[in-house]
N, C-alpha and C. Protein backbone atom coordinates (compact mmCIF):
# COMPACT_ATOMS: atom_id res chain seq x y z
N MET A 1 50.46 -60.88 -33.65
CA MET A 1 50.31 -59.10 -33.31
C MET A 1 49.34 -59.36 -31.87
N GLN A 2 48.38 -60.66 -31.99
CA GLN A 2 47.29 -61.36 -30.58
C GLN A 2 48.51 -61.42 -29.83
N LEU A 3 49.34 -62.57 -30.10
CA LEU A 3 50.30 -63.03 -29.13
C LEU A 3 50.85 -61.72 -28.05
N LYS A 4 51.16 -61.09 -29.36
CA LYS A 4 51.73 -59.39 -28.27
C LYS A 4 51.16 -58.79 -27.39
N ARG A 5 49.79 -59.05 -27.66
CA ARG A 5 48.95 -58.55 -26.74
C ARG A 5 48.48 -59.29 -25.31
N VAL A 6 48.82 -60.19 -25.28
CA VAL A 6 48.29 -61.73 -24.75
C VAL A 6 49.76 -61.37 -23.55
N THR A 7 50.85 -61.49 -24.32
CA THR A 7 51.89 -61.14 -23.42
C THR A 7 52.26 -59.56 -22.57
N LEU A 8 51.74 -58.92 -23.10
CA LEU A 8 51.69 -57.29 -22.51
C LEU A 8 50.46 -57.71 -21.45
N GLY A 9 49.33 -58.16 -21.82
CA GLY A 9 48.33 -58.08 -20.71
C GLY A 9 48.92 -58.55 -19.43
N LEU A 10 49.40 -60.01 -19.50
CA LEU A 10 49.96 -61.23 -18.65
C LEU A 10 51.37 -60.25 -17.96
N ALA A 11 51.99 -59.66 -18.47
CA ALA A 11 53.32 -59.21 -17.80
C ALA A 11 52.68 -57.97 -17.13
N GLY A 12 51.77 -56.95 -17.64
CA GLY A 12 50.74 -56.16 -16.79
C GLY A 12 50.22 -56.70 -15.71
N ALA A 13 49.42 -57.75 -15.53
CA ALA A 13 48.83 -58.54 -14.68
C ALA A 13 49.72 -59.30 -13.50
N ALA A 14 51.00 -59.11 -13.88
CA ALA A 14 52.04 -59.58 -13.24
C ALA A 14 52.68 -58.04 -12.24
N LEU A 15 52.73 -57.28 -12.94
CA LEU A 15 53.48 -56.23 -12.35
C LEU A 15 52.08 -55.93 -11.32
N LEU A 16 51.06 -55.41 -11.53
CA LEU A 16 49.86 -55.20 -10.17
C LEU A 16 49.86 -56.07 -9.33
N VAL A 17 49.89 -57.69 -9.35
CA VAL A 17 50.38 -58.57 -8.43
C VAL A 17 51.56 -58.25 -7.41
N ALA A 18 52.51 -58.25 -8.09
CA ALA A 18 53.85 -57.75 -7.84
C ALA A 18 53.37 -56.63 -6.97
N GLY A 19 52.88 -55.34 -7.44
CA GLY A 19 52.96 -54.21 -6.73
C GLY A 19 52.23 -54.58 -5.49
N SER A 20 51.26 -55.17 -5.54
CA SER A 20 49.79 -55.43 -4.46
C SER A 20 50.77 -56.04 -3.21
N ALA A 21 51.50 -56.95 -3.57
CA ALA A 21 52.34 -58.01 -2.61
C ALA A 21 53.50 -57.20 -1.60
N LEU A 22 53.69 -55.89 -2.26
CA LEU A 22 54.81 -55.39 -1.67
C LEU A 22 54.20 -54.37 -0.97
N ALA A 23 53.11 -53.75 -1.14
CA ALA A 23 51.91 -52.80 -0.36
C ALA A 23 51.82 -52.92 0.79
N GLN A 24 51.94 -51.58 1.46
CA GLN A 24 52.12 -51.35 3.01
C GLN A 24 50.75 -52.13 3.34
N LYS A 25 50.54 -52.30 4.83
CA LYS A 25 49.59 -53.54 5.29
C LYS A 25 49.36 -52.70 6.81
N VAL A 26 48.27 -51.98 7.06
CA VAL A 26 47.65 -51.72 8.50
C VAL A 26 46.49 -52.22 8.99
N THR A 27 47.12 -52.36 9.99
CA THR A 27 45.93 -53.30 10.81
C THR A 27 45.78 -53.08 12.40
N THR A 28 44.68 -52.59 12.83
CA THR A 28 44.35 -52.14 13.96
C THR A 28 43.24 -53.39 14.76
N ASP A 29 43.54 -52.98 16.25
CA ASP A 29 42.97 -54.08 17.19
C ASP A 29 42.49 -53.17 18.60
N TYR A 30 41.34 -53.16 19.09
CA TYR A 30 41.33 -52.74 20.33
C TYR A 30 40.19 -53.35 21.18
N GLN A 31 40.35 -53.14 22.43
CA GLN A 31 39.09 -53.34 23.24
C GLN A 31 37.57 -53.18 23.34
N LYS A 32 36.74 -53.72 22.99
CA LYS A 32 35.61 -53.56 22.66
C LYS A 32 34.88 -52.96 23.60
N THR A 33 34.90 -53.14 24.99
CA THR A 33 34.51 -52.72 25.96
C THR A 33 35.14 -51.51 26.52
N VAL A 34 36.09 -50.49 26.27
CA VAL A 34 36.77 -49.92 26.62
C VAL A 34 35.78 -48.46 25.95
N ASP A 35 35.82 -47.84 26.98
CA ASP A 35 34.79 -46.39 26.68
C ASP A 35 35.92 -45.34 26.26
N PHE A 36 36.49 -45.34 24.94
CA PHE A 36 37.49 -44.45 24.57
C PHE A 36 37.20 -42.85 24.84
N SER A 37 35.96 -42.77 24.89
CA SER A 37 35.96 -40.88 25.06
C SER A 37 35.85 -40.36 25.94
N ARG A 38 36.95 -41.24 27.50
CA ARG A 38 37.34 -40.57 28.64
C ARG A 38 38.28 -40.33 28.31
N TYR A 39 39.14 -40.61 27.26
CA TYR A 39 40.67 -40.57 27.44
C TYR A 39 41.07 -39.02 26.89
N LYS A 40 41.52 -38.18 27.62
CA LYS A 40 42.01 -36.75 27.02
C LYS A 40 43.60 -36.43 26.79
N THR A 41 44.43 -37.21 27.57
CA THR A 41 45.85 -37.02 27.89
C THR A 41 46.56 -38.18 27.56
N TYR A 42 47.70 -38.12 27.05
CA TYR A 42 48.94 -39.50 26.86
C TYR A 42 49.99 -38.84 27.07
N MET A 43 50.87 -39.92 27.74
CA MET A 43 52.30 -39.57 26.94
C MET A 43 52.91 -40.97 26.73
N TRP A 44 54.31 -40.51 26.62
CA TRP A 44 54.98 -41.85 25.89
C TRP A 44 55.66 -42.86 26.95
N ILE A 45 55.76 -44.42 27.02
CA ILE A 45 56.53 -44.68 28.22
C ILE A 45 57.37 -45.56 27.20
N MET A 46 57.20 -45.69 25.62
CA MET A 46 58.59 -46.79 25.04
C MET A 46 58.49 -46.13 23.75
N GLN A 47 59.59 -45.16 23.32
CA GLN A 47 59.61 -44.57 22.08
C GLN A 47 60.37 -45.75 21.30
N PRO A 48 59.98 -45.53 19.91
CA PRO A 48 60.56 -46.75 19.01
C PRO A 48 62.00 -46.59 18.89
N ARG A 49 62.88 -47.64 19.25
CA ARG A 49 64.15 -48.05 18.89
C ARG A 49 64.44 -48.15 17.00
N ALA A 50 65.13 -47.27 16.71
CA ALA A 50 65.77 -47.23 15.27
C ALA A 50 66.76 -46.83 15.08
N ALA A 51 67.27 -47.40 13.96
CA ALA A 51 68.77 -47.23 13.66
C ALA A 51 69.16 -45.84 13.34
N ASN A 52 68.14 -45.27 12.72
CA ASN A 52 68.33 -43.69 12.07
C ASN A 52 67.39 -43.00 13.14
N PRO A 53 68.31 -42.21 14.18
CA PRO A 53 67.48 -41.43 14.64
C PRO A 53 66.39 -40.42 14.19
N LEU A 54 66.70 -39.94 13.03
CA LEU A 54 65.57 -39.17 12.35
C LEU A 54 64.11 -40.12 12.01
N THR A 55 64.40 -41.17 12.16
CA THR A 55 63.18 -42.25 11.59
C THR A 55 62.60 -42.38 13.35
N ARG A 56 63.45 -42.50 14.29
CA ARG A 56 62.82 -42.29 15.57
C ARG A 56 62.02 -41.18 15.92
N GLU A 57 62.51 -39.85 15.28
CA GLU A 57 61.79 -38.83 15.76
C GLU A 57 60.98 -38.65 14.66
N ARG A 58 61.10 -39.14 13.52
CA ARG A 58 59.52 -39.05 12.70
C ARG A 58 57.99 -39.69 13.10
N ILE A 59 58.78 -41.12 13.16
CA ILE A 59 57.59 -41.27 14.19
C ILE A 59 57.14 -40.92 15.27
N ILE A 60 57.36 -40.70 16.30
CA ILE A 60 56.94 -39.83 17.43
C ILE A 60 56.46 -38.66 17.17
N ASP A 61 56.85 -38.02 15.95
CA ASP A 61 56.00 -36.47 15.52
C ASP A 61 54.62 -36.96 15.12
N ASP A 62 54.89 -37.73 14.22
CA ASP A 62 53.71 -38.65 13.37
C ASP A 62 52.57 -39.15 14.50
N VAL A 63 52.93 -39.80 15.15
CA VAL A 63 52.00 -40.14 16.33
C VAL A 63 51.51 -39.05 16.79
N ASN A 64 52.27 -38.19 17.81
CA ASN A 64 51.58 -37.22 18.18
C ASN A 64 50.77 -36.27 17.39
N SER A 65 50.86 -36.04 16.01
CA SER A 65 50.00 -35.62 15.18
C SER A 65 48.72 -35.72 14.83
N ALA A 66 48.78 -37.64 14.90
CA ALA A 66 47.53 -37.97 14.81
C ALA A 66 46.71 -37.95 15.91
N LEU A 67 47.43 -38.43 17.09
CA LEU A 67 46.68 -38.05 18.31
C LEU A 67 46.29 -36.41 18.61
N GLY A 68 46.92 -35.49 18.50
CA GLY A 68 46.24 -34.31 18.41
C GLY A 68 45.25 -34.10 17.74
N ARG A 69 45.49 -34.50 16.40
CA ARG A 69 44.32 -34.20 15.47
C ARG A 69 42.79 -34.96 16.34
N ARG A 70 43.33 -36.16 17.27
CA ARG A 70 41.96 -36.79 17.29
C ARG A 70 41.30 -36.08 18.88
N GLY A 71 42.39 -34.88 19.08
CA GLY A 71 41.83 -34.40 20.56
C GLY A 71 42.36 -35.03 21.80
N LEU A 72 43.38 -35.46 21.69
CA LEU A 72 44.09 -36.61 22.78
C LEU A 72 45.38 -35.45 22.86
N THR A 73 46.01 -35.03 24.32
CA THR A 73 46.75 -33.75 24.61
C THR A 73 47.93 -34.22 25.03
N LEU A 74 49.25 -34.44 24.79
CA LEU A 74 50.39 -34.97 25.32
C LEU A 74 50.87 -33.97 26.41
N VAL A 75 51.20 -34.66 27.30
CA VAL A 75 51.87 -34.51 28.49
C VAL A 75 52.70 -35.52 29.29
N THR A 76 53.24 -34.63 30.33
CA THR A 76 54.80 -35.53 30.98
C THR A 76 54.80 -36.10 32.25
N GLY A 77 53.23 -36.57 32.78
CA GLY A 77 52.80 -37.22 33.88
C GLY A 77 51.30 -37.23 33.90
N ASN A 78 50.66 -38.10 35.04
CA ASN A 78 49.54 -38.61 35.04
C ASN A 78 48.51 -38.56 33.39
N ALA A 79 49.05 -39.34 32.89
CA ALA A 79 48.26 -39.26 31.65
C ALA A 79 47.07 -40.42 31.83
N ASP A 80 45.92 -40.38 31.02
CA ASP A 80 44.98 -41.20 30.69
C ASP A 80 45.49 -42.45 29.80
N VAL A 81 46.37 -42.28 28.88
CA VAL A 81 46.45 -43.56 28.19
C VAL A 81 48.36 -43.26 27.79
N THR A 82 49.03 -44.42 27.60
CA THR A 82 50.34 -44.25 27.20
C THR A 82 50.74 -45.01 26.36
N ILE A 83 51.87 -44.82 25.41
CA ILE A 83 51.89 -45.03 24.35
C ILE A 83 53.22 -45.87 24.42
N ALA A 84 53.42 -46.96 23.53
CA ALA A 84 54.88 -47.64 23.64
C ALA A 84 54.58 -48.20 22.01
N ALA A 85 56.08 -47.62 21.64
CA ALA A 85 56.11 -47.74 20.05
C ALA A 85 57.26 -49.14 19.59
N HIS A 86 57.53 -49.23 18.78
CA HIS A 86 58.59 -50.45 18.16
C HIS A 86 58.84 -50.43 16.65
N ALA A 87 59.32 -50.21 16.58
CA ALA A 87 60.07 -50.72 14.80
C ALA A 87 61.15 -51.18 14.63
N ALA A 88 61.18 -51.96 13.15
CA ALA A 88 61.95 -52.68 12.60
C ALA A 88 62.67 -52.99 11.60
N THR A 89 63.61 -52.42 11.04
CA THR A 89 64.06 -52.44 9.83
C THR A 89 64.87 -53.72 9.65
N ARG A 90 64.47 -54.52 10.10
CA ARG A 90 65.62 -55.84 10.11
C ARG A 90 64.35 -56.41 11.26
N GLN A 91 64.87 -58.18 10.45
CA GLN A 91 64.20 -58.97 11.56
C GLN A 91 64.32 -58.93 12.89
N GLU A 92 63.53 -58.68 13.62
CA GLU A 92 63.71 -58.88 14.97
C GLU A 92 63.38 -59.73 15.97
N ARG A 93 63.51 -60.04 17.18
CA ARG A 93 62.34 -60.44 18.10
C ARG A 93 62.41 -59.48 19.43
N THR A 94 61.71 -59.26 19.88
CA THR A 94 61.32 -58.62 21.40
C THR A 94 60.86 -59.51 22.32
N LEU A 95 60.70 -59.57 23.54
CA LEU A 95 59.95 -59.38 24.77
C LEU A 95 59.11 -58.47 25.27
N ASN A 96 57.74 -59.01 25.29
CA ASN A 96 56.43 -58.19 25.73
C ASN A 96 56.26 -58.80 27.28
N THR A 97 55.99 -57.93 28.21
CA THR A 97 55.39 -58.41 29.29
C THR A 97 54.24 -57.72 29.46
N PHE A 98 52.80 -58.36 30.05
CA PHE A 98 51.90 -57.50 30.28
C PHE A 98 51.71 -58.03 31.70
N TYR A 99 50.90 -57.32 32.68
CA TYR A 99 50.63 -57.59 33.79
C TYR A 99 49.41 -57.47 34.21
N SER A 100 48.98 -58.61 35.10
CA SER A 100 47.90 -58.39 35.81
C SER A 100 47.66 -58.53 37.40
N GLY A 101 46.71 -58.36 37.46
CA GLY A 101 46.91 -58.09 39.08
C GLY A 101 46.67 -56.95 40.21
N LEU A 102 46.69 -56.59 41.01
CA LEU A 102 46.99 -55.33 42.22
C LEU A 102 48.24 -55.05 41.76
N GLY A 103 48.88 -54.02 41.29
CA GLY A 103 49.52 -52.71 41.12
C GLY A 103 50.67 -53.38 40.33
N GLY A 104 50.32 -54.64 39.49
CA GLY A 104 51.29 -54.63 38.75
C GLY A 104 51.88 -53.63 37.51
N GLY A 105 52.82 -53.60 36.63
CA GLY A 105 52.55 -52.05 35.75
C GLY A 105 54.18 -52.47 34.97
N TRP A 106 54.19 -51.61 34.23
CA TRP A 106 55.51 -51.42 33.75
C TRP A 106 56.19 -50.62 34.71
N ARG A 107 56.18 -49.81 35.73
CA ARG A 107 56.95 -49.07 36.24
C ARG A 107 56.50 -49.45 37.73
N TRP A 108 55.55 -50.34 38.03
CA TRP A 108 55.41 -50.11 39.63
C TRP A 108 55.15 -51.80 39.71
N GLY A 109 55.53 -51.52 40.98
CA GLY A 109 55.68 -53.50 42.00
C GLY A 109 54.46 -53.14 42.51
N GLY A 110 54.24 -54.19 42.81
CA GLY A 110 52.73 -55.51 43.86
C GLY A 110 52.58 -56.60 43.30
N LEU A 111 51.29 -56.52 43.76
CA LEU A 111 51.04 -58.40 43.87
C LEU A 111 50.26 -58.20 42.53
N GLY A 112 50.02 -59.53 41.97
CA GLY A 112 50.03 -59.57 40.37
C GLY A 112 50.86 -60.71 39.64
N SER A 113 50.37 -61.10 38.15
CA SER A 113 51.30 -61.79 37.54
C SER A 113 52.12 -61.21 36.19
N ALA A 114 52.86 -61.51 35.99
CA ALA A 114 53.10 -61.40 34.42
C ALA A 114 53.75 -62.59 33.60
N THR A 115 53.03 -62.09 32.37
CA THR A 115 53.00 -62.39 30.93
C THR A 115 54.10 -62.30 29.90
N THR A 116 55.15 -62.84 29.51
CA THR A 116 56.38 -62.54 28.54
C THR A 116 56.25 -63.57 27.90
N THR A 117 55.88 -62.82 26.24
CA THR A 117 56.00 -63.24 24.93
C THR A 117 57.27 -62.89 24.71
N VAL A 118 57.66 -63.71 23.21
CA VAL A 118 58.90 -63.44 22.38
C VAL A 118 57.86 -63.41 21.10
N ASP A 119 57.96 -61.82 20.98
CA ASP A 119 57.32 -61.61 18.91
C ASP A 119 58.83 -61.53 18.04
N THR A 120 58.31 -61.88 16.96
CA THR A 120 58.89 -61.85 15.61
C THR A 120 58.85 -61.23 15.24
N TYR A 121 59.55 -59.45 14.42
CA TYR A 121 59.06 -58.73 14.24
C TYR A 121 59.43 -58.90 12.55
N GLU A 122 58.46 -58.64 11.48
CA GLU A 122 58.86 -58.87 10.24
C GLU A 122 59.83 -57.44 9.86
N VAL A 123 60.41 -57.57 8.96
CA VAL A 123 61.25 -56.50 8.18
C VAL A 123 60.32 -55.38 7.94
N GLY A 124 60.56 -54.15 8.47
CA GLY A 124 59.57 -53.05 7.68
C GLY A 124 58.27 -52.90 8.57
N THR A 125 57.70 -53.30 10.16
CA THR A 125 57.30 -53.37 10.91
C THR A 125 56.84 -51.88 11.98
N LEU A 126 56.00 -51.72 12.14
CA LEU A 126 56.01 -50.20 12.90
C LEU A 126 54.74 -50.64 13.64
N ILE A 127 54.94 -50.99 15.33
CA ILE A 127 53.56 -51.30 15.79
C ILE A 127 53.51 -50.04 16.99
N VAL A 128 52.22 -49.55 17.05
CA VAL A 128 52.20 -48.49 18.37
C VAL A 128 50.86 -49.07 19.32
N ASP A 129 51.21 -49.30 20.76
CA ASP A 129 50.37 -49.62 21.56
C ASP A 129 49.84 -48.45 22.38
N VAL A 130 48.74 -48.65 22.70
CA VAL A 130 48.11 -47.54 23.80
C VAL A 130 47.77 -48.82 24.40
N PHE A 131 47.78 -48.19 25.95
CA PHE A 131 47.34 -48.88 27.34
C PHE A 131 46.47 -47.60 28.24
N ASP A 132 45.83 -48.08 29.02
CA ASP A 132 45.19 -47.17 30.31
C ASP A 132 46.05 -47.02 31.35
N ALA A 133 46.52 -45.76 31.22
CA ALA A 133 47.37 -45.76 32.17
C ALA A 133 47.17 -46.33 33.72
N SER A 134 45.62 -46.31 34.18
CA SER A 134 45.39 -46.53 36.10
C SER A 134 45.45 -48.20 35.26
N THR A 135 44.68 -48.84 34.49
CA THR A 135 45.15 -49.98 34.84
C THR A 135 46.08 -50.72 34.08
N LYS A 136 46.93 -50.34 33.42
CA LYS A 136 48.43 -50.62 32.43
C LYS A 136 47.51 -51.62 31.59
N GLU A 137 46.46 -52.21 31.15
CA GLU A 137 45.95 -53.03 30.20
C GLU A 137 46.28 -52.42 28.77
N ALA A 138 46.90 -53.12 27.72
CA ALA A 138 46.87 -52.88 26.32
C ALA A 138 45.30 -52.01 26.21
N ILE A 139 45.03 -51.29 25.26
CA ILE A 139 43.32 -50.67 24.46
C ILE A 139 43.31 -50.84 23.25
N TRP A 140 44.69 -51.06 22.79
CA TRP A 140 44.61 -50.42 21.24
C TRP A 140 46.03 -51.08 20.91
N ARG A 141 45.70 -51.49 19.46
CA ARG A 141 47.47 -51.49 18.77
C ARG A 141 47.35 -51.47 17.28
N GLY A 142 47.82 -50.66 16.62
CA GLY A 142 48.16 -50.68 15.70
C GLY A 142 48.86 -51.18 14.50
N VAL A 143 49.27 -51.99 13.66
CA VAL A 143 50.43 -52.61 12.80
C VAL A 143 50.68 -51.94 12.15
N ALA A 144 51.63 -51.53 11.33
CA ALA A 144 51.61 -51.37 9.80
C ALA A 144 52.76 -52.56 9.64
N THR A 145 53.53 -52.65 8.17
CA THR A 145 53.88 -53.59 7.71
C THR A 145 54.17 -52.66 6.68
N LYS A 146 55.47 -53.36 6.37
CA LYS A 146 56.41 -52.87 4.80
C LYS A 146 56.24 -51.42 4.93
N THR A 147 56.83 -50.68 6.48
CA THR A 147 56.48 -49.44 5.81
C THR A 147 57.96 -49.25 6.38
N LEU A 148 58.57 -49.71 6.73
CA LEU A 148 60.28 -48.82 7.31
C LEU A 148 60.88 -49.85 6.14
N SER A 149 62.46 -49.19 5.84
CA SER A 149 63.41 -49.98 5.21
C SER A 149 64.66 -49.17 5.57
N ASP A 150 65.71 -49.40 4.90
CA ASP A 150 66.99 -48.96 5.38
C ASP A 150 67.37 -47.65 4.40
N ASN A 151 66.50 -47.01 4.13
CA ASN A 151 66.51 -46.03 3.25
C ASN A 151 65.40 -44.98 3.53
N PRO A 152 66.17 -44.12 4.30
CA PRO A 152 65.57 -42.79 5.13
C PRO A 152 64.53 -41.99 4.46
N ARG A 153 64.92 -42.04 3.23
CA ARG A 153 64.14 -41.06 1.91
C ARG A 153 62.88 -41.71 2.40
N LYS A 154 62.78 -42.98 1.54
CA LYS A 154 61.24 -43.59 1.30
C LYS A 154 61.06 -43.51 2.67
N ASN A 155 61.07 -43.85 3.96
CA ASN A 155 61.22 -43.90 5.01
C ASN A 155 59.55 -42.46 5.71
N ALA A 156 60.25 -41.34 5.40
CA ALA A 156 59.22 -40.34 5.62
C ALA A 156 58.09 -40.35 5.00
N ASP A 157 57.83 -40.81 3.74
CA ASP A 157 56.41 -40.99 3.18
C ASP A 157 55.81 -41.87 3.39
N SER A 158 56.35 -42.96 3.86
CA SER A 158 55.72 -44.43 4.13
C SER A 158 55.02 -44.17 5.63
N LEU A 159 56.50 -43.92 6.58
CA LEU A 159 55.92 -43.76 7.66
C LEU A 159 54.55 -42.58 7.97
N ASN A 160 54.56 -41.73 7.51
CA ASN A 160 53.54 -40.77 7.24
C ASN A 160 52.33 -41.13 7.06
N LYS A 161 52.31 -42.39 5.89
CA LYS A 161 50.81 -42.61 5.12
C LYS A 161 50.54 -43.89 6.17
N ALA A 162 50.93 -44.58 6.86
CA ALA A 162 50.75 -45.51 7.71
C ALA A 162 50.58 -45.31 8.88
N ILE A 163 51.25 -44.45 9.98
CA ILE A 163 50.56 -43.62 10.82
C ILE A 163 48.76 -43.02 10.67
N ASP A 164 49.23 -41.78 9.87
CA ASP A 164 47.76 -41.70 9.34
C ASP A 164 46.54 -42.54 9.12
N LYS A 165 46.80 -43.93 8.18
CA LYS A 165 46.06 -44.64 8.07
C LYS A 165 45.52 -45.43 9.11
N MET A 166 47.00 -45.44 10.47
CA MET A 166 46.58 -46.53 11.65
C MET A 166 45.63 -45.51 12.02
N PHE A 167 45.77 -44.38 12.14
CA PHE A 167 45.15 -43.65 13.36
C PHE A 167 44.16 -42.96 12.86
N GLU A 168 43.41 -43.49 11.49
CA GLU A 168 41.84 -42.86 11.19
C GLU A 168 40.82 -43.08 11.32
N LYS A 169 40.88 -44.20 12.55
CA LYS A 169 39.11 -44.41 13.16
C LYS A 169 39.77 -44.67 14.75
N PHE A 170 40.91 -43.68 14.97
CA PHE A 170 40.98 -43.30 16.25
C PHE A 170 40.78 -42.33 17.09
N PRO A 171 39.83 -42.27 18.14
CA PRO A 171 39.39 -43.68 18.81
C PRO A 171 38.61 -44.49 18.26
N PRO A 172 38.48 -45.95 18.91
CA PRO A 172 37.78 -46.27 17.87
C PRO A 172 35.91 -46.15 18.54
N GLN A 173 34.85 -46.42 17.85
CA GLN A 173 33.38 -46.15 18.26
C GLN A 173 32.93 -47.57 18.79
N THR A 174 33.07 -47.19 20.31
CA THR A 174 32.88 -48.54 21.31
C THR A 174 31.29 -49.14 21.38
N ALA A 175 30.97 -50.05 21.91
CA ALA A 175 29.47 -50.35 22.20
C ALA A 175 28.80 -49.00 22.94
N HIS A 176 29.65 -49.24 24.28
CA HIS A 176 29.21 -47.74 25.07
C HIS A 176 28.87 -46.67 24.43
N GLU A 177 29.72 -46.01 23.43
CA GLU A 177 29.25 -45.20 22.79
C GLU A 177 28.07 -45.24 21.66
N THR A 178 27.93 -45.99 21.12
CA THR A 178 27.24 -46.62 20.15
C THR A 178 25.39 -46.82 20.87
N THR A 179 25.62 -47.19 21.59
CA THR A 179 24.49 -46.97 23.17
C THR A 179 24.12 -45.94 23.41
N ARG A 180 25.12 -45.01 23.96
CA ARG A 180 24.76 -43.82 24.38
C ARG A 180 24.18 -42.65 23.71
N ARG A 181 24.55 -43.07 21.84
CA ARG A 181 24.17 -42.15 21.27
C ARG A 181 22.70 -42.18 20.57
N ASP A 182 22.08 -43.57 21.11
CA ASP A 182 21.24 -43.72 20.51
C ASP A 182 19.73 -42.91 21.38
């Protein structure tokens, strides 16, 4: 009888460990020196590429909803920040180019330099980047892993949870805002 309890206990512990290993992970990072309170509008510069167009639309709708709840307004031009998203339902590699200097950017030419990196995305990853539209610098990134699959039914709930968690503390409170409130 006691051996049966120990075996059941170990089996239960193994299921908990396996379940947590498959759990969704959401992380964010941002420029600590940026005053996020000055941003009021946003626009998309790169919508996610997803095999299923409905998944693509869900990502866009969920991000738009999250940003709207945080006081940002979607515009078609002259935005304060720009949004780029990438979704991987299979292992993918992508090239990321970041610009620095005068006039460099994702759509504009000019003086400056460009740095290109190759990223390999884990299956099920969703990445959302926010750029300052005037400087074209990345100011915030959210990454959710184990979020997307080839199963569209699972994706709807998983995406909603991941994006809600991703934008839970957006915009981040910066040192500038903390000082100003004191």
